[in-house]
């Protein structure tokens, strides 16, 4: 088993591998982690936009119903 320390911005970690021939370089790990973080942020952003859109539609619907009464 091989081990290496990885630092990406403020995150520090130790990565253990079974096959030392398959050990990724720190630069490759950095690219993978950054891609995952970007994908997670994109997903969270999409969820926030959807929630905001639902909230806005709810407010507009309430205003429309209030105007009919």
PDB file of N, CA and C in Angstrom:
ATOM      1  N   UNK A   1       0.847  -1.165   0.000  1.00  0.00           N
ATOM      2  CA  UNK A   1       0.000   0.000   0.000  1.00  0.00           C
ATOM      3  C   UNK A   1       0.896   1.232   0.000  1.00  0.00           C
ATOM      4  N   UNK A   2       0.527   2.214  -0.791  1.00  0.00           N
ATOM      5  CA  UNK A   2       1.277   3.470  -0.860  1.00  0.00           C
ATOM      6  C   UNK A   2       0.418   4.591  -0.303  1.00  0.00           C
ATOM      7  N   UNK A   3       1.069   5.646   0.110  1.00  0.00           N
ATOM      8  CA  UNK A   3       0.356   6.771   0.696  1.00  0.00           C
ATOM      9  C   UNK A   3       0.986   8.063   0.197  1.00  0.00           C
ATOM     10  N   UNK A   4       0.154   9.074  -0.014  1.00  0.00           N
ATOM     11  CA  UNK A   4       0.685  10.384  -0.390  1.00  0.00           C
ATOM     12  C   UNK A   4      -0.179  11.463   0.233  1.00  0.00           C
ATOM     13  N   UNK A   5       0.426  12.585   0.532  1.00  0.00           N
ATOM     14  CA  UNK A   5      -0.308  13.716   1.083  1.00  0.00           C
ATOM     15  C   UNK A   5      -0.710  14.624  -0.069  1.00  0.00           C
ATOM     16  N   UNK A   6      -1.944  15.118  -0.007  1.00  0.00           N
ATOM     17  CA  UNK A   6      -2.483  15.958  -1.068  1.00  0.00           C
ATOM     18  C   UNK A   6      -2.977  17.250  -0.450  1.00  0.00           C
ATOM     19  N   UNK A   7      -2.652  18.376  -1.070  1.00  0.00           N
ATOM     20  CA  UNK A   7      -3.140  19.678  -0.617  1.00  0.00           C
ATOM     21  C   UNK A   7      -3.772  20.394  -1.797  1.00  0.00           C
ATOM     22  N   UNK A   8      -5.036  20.766  -1.621  1.00  0.00           N
ATOM     23  CA  UNK A   8      -5.755  21.525  -2.641  1.00  0.00           C
ATOM     24  C   UNK A   8      -6.373  22.716  -1.919  1.00  0.00           C
ATOM     25  N   UNK A   9      -5.859  23.895  -2.199  1.00  0.00           N
ATOM     26  CA  UNK A   9      -6.265  25.121  -1.511  1.00  0.00           C
ATOM     27  C   UNK A   9      -6.187  24.896  -0.003  1.00  0.00           C
ATOM     28  N   UNK A  10      -7.315  25.020   0.705  1.00  0.00           N
ATOM     29  CA  UNK A  10      -7.298  24.872   2.157  1.00  0.00           C
ATOM     30  C   UNK A  10      -7.479  23.422   2.600  1.00  0.00           C
ATOM     31  N   UNK A  11      -7.767  22.536   1.689  1.00  0.00           N
ATOM     32  CA  UNK A  11      -8.038  21.153   2.042  1.00  0.00           C
ATOM     33  C   UNK A  11      -6.744  20.337   2.031  1.00  0.00           C
ATOM     34  N   UNK A  12      -6.522  19.610   3.114  1.00  0.00           N
ATOM     35  CA  UNK A  12      -5.366  18.718   3.212  1.00  0.00           C
ATOM     36  C   UNK A  12      -5.895  17.312   3.454  1.00  0.00           C
ATOM     37  N   UNK A  13      -5.292  16.347   2.803  1.00  0.00           N
ATOM     38  CA  UNK A  13      -5.739  14.981   2.986  1.00  0.00           C
ATOM     39  C   UNK A  13      -4.585  14.023   2.725  1.00  0.00           C
ATOM     40  N   UNK A  14      -4.781  12.795   3.149  1.00  0.00           N
ATOM     41  CA  UNK A  14      -3.841  11.736   2.836  1.00  0.00           C
ATOM     42  C   UNK A  14      -4.597  10.703   2.026  1.00  0.00           C
ATOM     43  N   UNK A  15      -4.020  10.287   0.930  1.00  0.00           N
ATOM     44  CA  UNK A  15      -4.649   9.319   0.048  1.00  0.00           C
ATOM     45  C   UNK A  15      -3.874   8.012   0.145  1.00  0.00           C
ATOM     46  N   UNK A  16      -4.581   6.934   0.469  1.00  0.00           N
ATOM     47  CA  UNK A  16      -3.976   5.606   0.513  1.00  0.00           C
ATOM     48  C   UNK A  16      -4.390   4.845  -0.739  1.00  0.00           C
ATOM     49  N   UNK A  17      -3.452   4.143  -1.326  1.00  0.00           N
ATOM     50  CA  UNK A  17      -3.761   3.340  -2.507  1.00  0.00           C
ATOM     51  C   UNK A  17      -3.270   1.913  -2.289  1.00  0.00           C
ATOM     52  N   UNK A  18      -3.936   1.004  -2.936  1.00  0.00           N
ATOM     53  CA  UNK A  18      -3.543  -0.404  -2.869  1.00  0.00           C
ATOM     54  C   UNK A  18      -2.476  -0.692  -3.923  1.00  0.00           C
ATOM     55  N   UNK A  19      -2.684  -0.162  -5.117  1.00  0.00           N
ATOM     56  CA  UNK A  19      -1.785  -0.396  -6.239  1.00  0.00           C
ATOM     57  C   UNK A  19      -0.950   0.859  -6.472  1.00  0.00           C
ATOM     58  N   UNK A  20       0.296   0.833  -6.068  1.00  0.00           N
ATOM     59  CA  UNK A  20       1.128   2.035  -6.187  1.00  0.00           C
ATOM     60  C   UNK A  20       1.382   2.417  -7.644  1.00  0.00           C
ATOM     61  N   UNK A  21       1.220   1.481  -8.580  1.00  0.00           N
ATOM     62  CA  UNK A  21       1.377   1.809  -9.999  1.00  0.00           C
ATOM     63  C   UNK A  21       0.240   2.698 -10.490  1.00  0.00           C
ATOM     64  N   UNK A  22      -0.898   2.643  -9.785  1.00  0.00           N
ATOM     65  CA  UNK A  22      -2.059   3.426 -10.208  1.00  0.00           C
ATOM     66  C   UNK A  22      -2.135   4.767  -9.475  1.00  0.00           C
ATOM     67  N   UNK A  23      -1.111   5.111  -8.704  1.00  0.00           N
ATOM     68  CA  UNK A  23      -1.100   6.333  -7.926  1.00  0.00           C
ATOM     69  C   UNK A  23      -1.177   7.555  -8.847  1.00  0.00           C
ATOM     70  N   UNK A  24      -2.109   8.428  -8.563  1.00  0.00           N
ATOM     71  CA  UNK A  24      -2.266   9.636  -9.360  1.00  0.00           C
ATOM     72  C   UNK A  24      -1.290  10.703  -8.887  1.00  0.00           C
ATOM     73  N   UNK A  25      -0.904  11.552  -9.786  1.00  0.00           N
ATOM     74  CA  UNK A  25      -0.026  12.651  -9.409  1.00  0.00           C
ATOM     75  C   UNK A  25      -0.839  13.695  -8.646  1.00  0.00           C
ATOM     76  N   UNK A  26      -0.192  14.507  -7.842  1.00  0.00           N
ATOM     77  CA  UNK A  26      -0.932  15.580  -7.152  1.00  0.00           C
ATOM     78  C   UNK A  26      -1.678  16.492  -8.125  1.00  0.00           C
ATOM     79  N   UNK A  27      -1.097  16.756  -9.268  1.00  0.00           N
ATOM     80  CA  UNK A  27      -1.764  17.601 -10.260  1.00  0.00           C
ATOM     81  C   UNK A  27      -3.038  16.932 -10.793  1.00  0.00           C
ATOM     82  N   UNK A  28      -2.988  15.624 -11.023  1.00  0.00           N
ATOM     83  CA  UNK A  28      -4.175  14.907 -11.506  1.00  0.00           C
ATOM     84  C   UNK A  28      -5.258  14.892 -10.427  1.00  0.00           C
ATOM     85  N   UNK A  29      -4.865  14.652  -9.184  1.00  0.00           N
ATOM     86  CA  UNK A  29      -5.840  14.687  -8.088  1.00  0.00           C
ATOM     87  C   UNK A  29      -6.447  16.077  -7.953  1.00  0.00           C
ATOM     88  N   UNK A  30      -5.630  17.100  -8.107  1.00  0.00           N
ATOM     89  CA  UNK A  30      -6.113  18.475  -8.039  1.00  0.00           C
ATOM     90  C   UNK A  30      -7.180  18.718  -9.104  1.00  0.00           C
ATOM     91  N   UNK A  31      -6.925  18.288 -10.329  1.00  0.00           N
ATOM     92  CA  UNK A  31      -7.909  18.472 -11.421  1.00  0.00           C
ATOM     93  C   UNK A  31      -9.197  17.706 -11.136  1.00  0.00           C
ATOM     94  N   UNK A  32      -9.083  16.499 -10.612  1.00  0.00           N
ATOM     95  CA  UNK A  32     -10.276  15.694 -10.303  1.00  0.00           C
ATOM     96  C   UNK A  32     -11.104  16.364  -9.218  1.00  0.00           C
ATOM     97  N   UNK A  33     -10.445  16.760  -8.141  1.00  0.00           N
ATOM     98  CA  UNK A  33     -11.173  17.389  -7.033  1.00  0.00           C
ATOM     99  C   UNK A  33     -11.819  18.692  -7.480  1.00  0.00           C
ATOM    100  N   UNK A  34     -11.111  19.509  -8.225  1.00  0.00           N
ATOM    101  CA  UNK A  34     -11.680  20.769  -8.704  1.00  0.00           C
ATOM    102  C   UNK A  34     -12.882  20.523  -9.618  1.00  0.00           C
ATOM    103  N   UNK A  35     -12.812  19.494 -10.452  1.00  0.00           N
ATOM    104  CA  UNK A  35     -13.943  19.171 -11.325  1.00  0.00           C
ATOM    105  C   UNK A  35     -15.158  18.741 -10.502  1.00  0.00           C
ATOM    106  N   UNK A  36     -14.912  17.943  -9.481  1.00  0.00           N
ATOM    107  CA  UNK A  36     -16.010  17.502  -8.608  1.00  0.00           C
ATOM    108  C   UNK A  36     -16.608  18.694  -7.865  1.00  0.00           C
ATOM    109  N   UNK A  37     -15.759  19.566  -7.327  1.00  0.00           N
ATOM    110  CA  UNK A  37     -16.253  20.740  -6.611  1.00  0.00           C
ATOM    111  C   UNK A  37     -17.064  21.657  -7.530  1.00  0.00           C
ATOM    112  N   UNK A  38     -16.587  21.834  -8.773  1.00  0.00           N
ATOM    113  CA  UNK A  38     -17.336  22.648  -9.752  1.00  0.00           C
ATOM    114  C   UNK A  38     -18.694  22.027 -10.038  1.00  0.00           C
ATOM    115  N   UNK A  39     -18.720  20.713 -10.219  1.00  0.00           N
ATOM    116  CA  UNK A  39     -19.986  20.026 -10.507  1.00  0.00           C
ATOM    117  C   UNK A  39     -20.944  20.147  -9.326  1.00  0.00           C
ATOM    118  N   UNK A  40     -20.418  20.033  -8.112  1.00  0.00           N
ATOM    119  CA  UNK A  40     -21.277  20.174  -6.935  1.00  0.00           C
ATOM    120  C   UNK A  40     -21.827  21.593  -6.834  1.00  0.00           C
ATOM    121  N   UNK A  41     -20.991  22.588  -7.087  1.00  0.00           N
ATOM    122  CA  UNK A  41     -21.446  23.982  -7.031  1.00  0.00           C
ATOM    123  C   UNK A  41     -22.492  24.245  -8.111  1.00  0.00           C
ATOM    124  N   UNK A  42     -22.279  23.704  -9.316  1.00  0.00           N
ATOM    125  CA  UNK A  42     -23.270  23.860 -10.393  1.00  0.00           C
ATOM    126  C   UNK A  42     -24.604  23.246  -9.987  1.00  0.00           C
ATOM    127  N   UNK A  43     -24.551  22.089  -9.361  1.00  0.00           N
ATOM    128  CA  UNK A  43     -25.786  21.425  -8.930  1.00  0.00           C
ATOM    129  C   UNK A  43     -26.499  22.249  -7.858  1.00  0.00           C
ATOM    130  N   UNK A  44     -25.732  22.742  -6.892  1.00  0.00           N
ATOM    131  CA  UNK A  44     -26.330  23.562  -5.835  1.00  0.00           C
ATOM    132  C   UNK A  44     -26.912  24.857  -6.415  1.00  0.00           C
ATOM    133  N   UNK A  45     -26.201  25.442  -7.366  1.00  0.00           N
ATOM    134  CA  UNK A  45     -26.692  26.667  -8.003  1.00  0.00           C
ATOM    135  C   UNK A  45     -28.004  26.393  -8.730  1.00  0.00           C
ATOM    136  N   UNK A  46     -28.088  25.286  -9.436  1.00  0.00           N
ATOM    137  CA  UNK A  46     -29.319  24.922 -10.147  1.00  0.00           C
ATOM    138  C   UNK A  46     -30.470  24.713  -9.168  1.00  0.00           C
ATOM    139  N   UNK A  47     -30.169  24.073  -8.041  1.00  0.00           N
ATOM    140  CA  UNK A  47     -31.209  23.853  -7.028  1.00  0.00           C
ATOM    141  C   UNK A  47     -31.683  25.182  -6.441  1.00  0.00           C
ATOM    142  N   UNK A  48     -30.746  26.116  -6.197  1.00  0.00           N
ATOM    143  CA  UNK A  48     -31.131  27.428  -5.661  1.00  0.00           C
ATOM    144  C   UNK A  48     -31.992  28.195  -6.664  1.00  0.00           C
ATOM    145  N   UNK A  49     -31.638  28.132  -7.940  1.00  0.00           N
ATOM    146  CA  UNK A  49     -32.418  28.817  -8.977  1.00  0.00           C
ATOM    147  C   UNK A  49     -33.811  28.218  -9.055  1.00  0.00           C
ATOM    148  N   UNK A  50     -33.911  26.902  -9.007  1.00  0.00           N
ATOM    149  CA  UNK A  50     -35.213  26.240  -9.061  1.00  0.00           C
ATOM    150  C   UNK A  50     -36.070  26.647  -7.864  1.00  0.00           C
ATOM    151  N   UNK A  51     -35.488  26.628  -6.656  1.00  0.00           N
ATOM    152  CA  UNK A  51     -36.242  27.034  -5.459  1.00  0.00           C
ATOM    153  C   UNK A  51     -36.691  28.489  -5.560  1.00  0.00           C
ATOM    154  N   UNK A  52     -35.825  29.355  -6.043  1.00  0.00           N
ATOM    155  CA  UNK A  52     -36.181  30.772  -6.186  1.00  0.00           C
ATOM    156  C   UNK A  52     -37.310  30.931  -7.199  1.00  0.00           C
ATOM    157  N   UNK A  53     -37.258  30.164  -8.297  1.00  0.00           N
ATOM    158  CA  UNK A  53     -38.300  30.227  -9.319  1.00  0.00           C
ATOM    159  C   UNK A  53     -39.636  29.741  -8.747  1.00  0.00           C
ATOM    160  N   UNK A  54     -39.599  28.661  -7.989  1.00  0.00           N
ATOM    161  CA  UNK A  54     -40.827  28.135  -7.373  1.00  0.00           C
ATOM    162  C   UNK A  54     -41.391  29.158  -6.391  1.00  0.00           C
ATOM    163  N   UNK A  55     -40.519  29.765  -5.582  1.00  0.00           N
ATOM    164  CA  UNK A  55     -40.966  30.782  -4.625  1.00  0.00           C
ATOM    165  C   UNK A  55     -41.586  31.972  -5.356  1.00  0.00           C
ATOM    166  N   UNK A  56     -40.950  32.408  -6.432  1.00  0.00           N
ATOM    167  CA  UNK A  56     -41.455  33.548  -7.198  1.00  0.00           C
ATOM    168  C   UNK A  56     -42.809  33.224  -7.814  1.00  0.00           C
ATOM    169  N   UNK A  57     -42.937  32.028  -8.393  1.00  0.00           N
ATOM    170  CA  UNK A  57     -44.231  31.645  -8.976  1.00  0.00           C
ATOM    171  C   UNK A  57     -45.308  31.584  -7.908  1.00  0.00           C
ATOM    172  N   UNK A  58     -44.950  31.118  -6.713  1.00  0.00           N
ATOM    173  CA  UNK A  58     -45.906  31.037  -5.619  1.00  0.00           C
ATOM    174  C   UNK A  58     -46.363  32.437  -5.211  1.00  0.00           C
ATOM    175  N   UNK A  59     -45.437  33.372  -5.121  1.00  0.00           N
ATOM    176  CA  UNK A  59     -45.783  34.751  -4.753  1.00  0.00           C
ATOM    177  C   UNK A  59     -46.680  35.372  -5.820  1.00  0.00           C
ATOM    178  N   UNK A  60     -46.329  35.191  -7.088  1.00  0.00           N
ATOM    179  CA  UNK A  60     -47.126  35.752  -8.183  1.00  0.00           C
ATOM    180  C   UNK A  60     -48.534  35.164  -8.157  1.00  0.00           C
ATOM    181  N   UNK A  61     -48.636  33.867  -7.947  1.00  0.00           N
ATOM    182  CA  UNK A  61     -49.949  33.209  -7.886  1.00  0.00           C
ATOM    183  C   UNK A  61     -50.771  33.749  -6.719  1.00  0.00           C
ATOM    184  N   UNK A  62     -50.144  33.940  -5.570  1.00  0.00           N
ATOM    185  CA  UNK A  62     -50.852  34.488  -4.417  1.00  0.00           C
ATOM    186  C   UNK A  62     -51.339  35.907  -4.704  1.00  0.00           C
ATOM    187  N   UNK A  63     -50.509  36.698  -5.375  1.00  0.00           N
ATOM    188  CA  UNK A  63     -50.916  38.062  -5.718  1.00  0.00           C
ATOM    189  C   UNK A  63     -52.079  38.054  -6.696  1.00  0.00           C
ATOM    190  N   UNK A  64     -52.036  37.165  -7.658  1.00  0.00           N
ATOM    191  CA  UNK A  64     -53.127  37.081  -8.640  1.00  0.00           C
ATOM    192  C   UNK A  64     -54.442  36.669  -7.956  1.00  0.00           C
ATOM    193  N   UNK A  65     -54.354  35.693  -7.067  1.00  0.00           N
ATOM    194  CA  UNK A  65     -55.553  35.245  -6.366  1.00  0.00           C
ATOM    195  C   UNK A  65     -56.075  36.344  -5.433  1.00  0.00           C
ATOM    196  N   UNK A  66     -55.190  37.085  -4.832  1.00  0.00           N
ATOM    197  CA  UNK A  66     -55.588  38.177  -3.953  1.00  0.00           C
ATOM    198  C   UNK A  66     -56.283  39.275  -4.715  1.00  0.00           C
ATOM    199  N   UNK A  67     -55.904  39.497  -5.953  1.00  0.00           N
ATOM    200  CA  UNK A  67     -56.518  40.537  -6.775  1.00  0.00           C
ATOM    201  C   UNK A  67     -57.901  40.153  -7.267  1.00  0.00           C
ATOM    202  N   UNK A  68     -58.202  38.873  -7.331  1.00  0.00           N
ATOM    203  CA  UNK A  68     -59.506  38.391  -7.811  1.00  0.00           C
ATOM    204  C   UNK A  68     -60.559  38.442  -6.723  1.00  0.00           C
ATOM    205  N   UNK A  69     -60.146  38.423  -5.485  1.00  0.00           N
ATOM    206  CA  UNK A  69     -61.114  38.361  -4.385  1.00  0.00           C
ATOM    207  C   UNK A  69     -61.873  39.648  -4.228  1.00  0.00           C
TER     208      UNK A  69
END
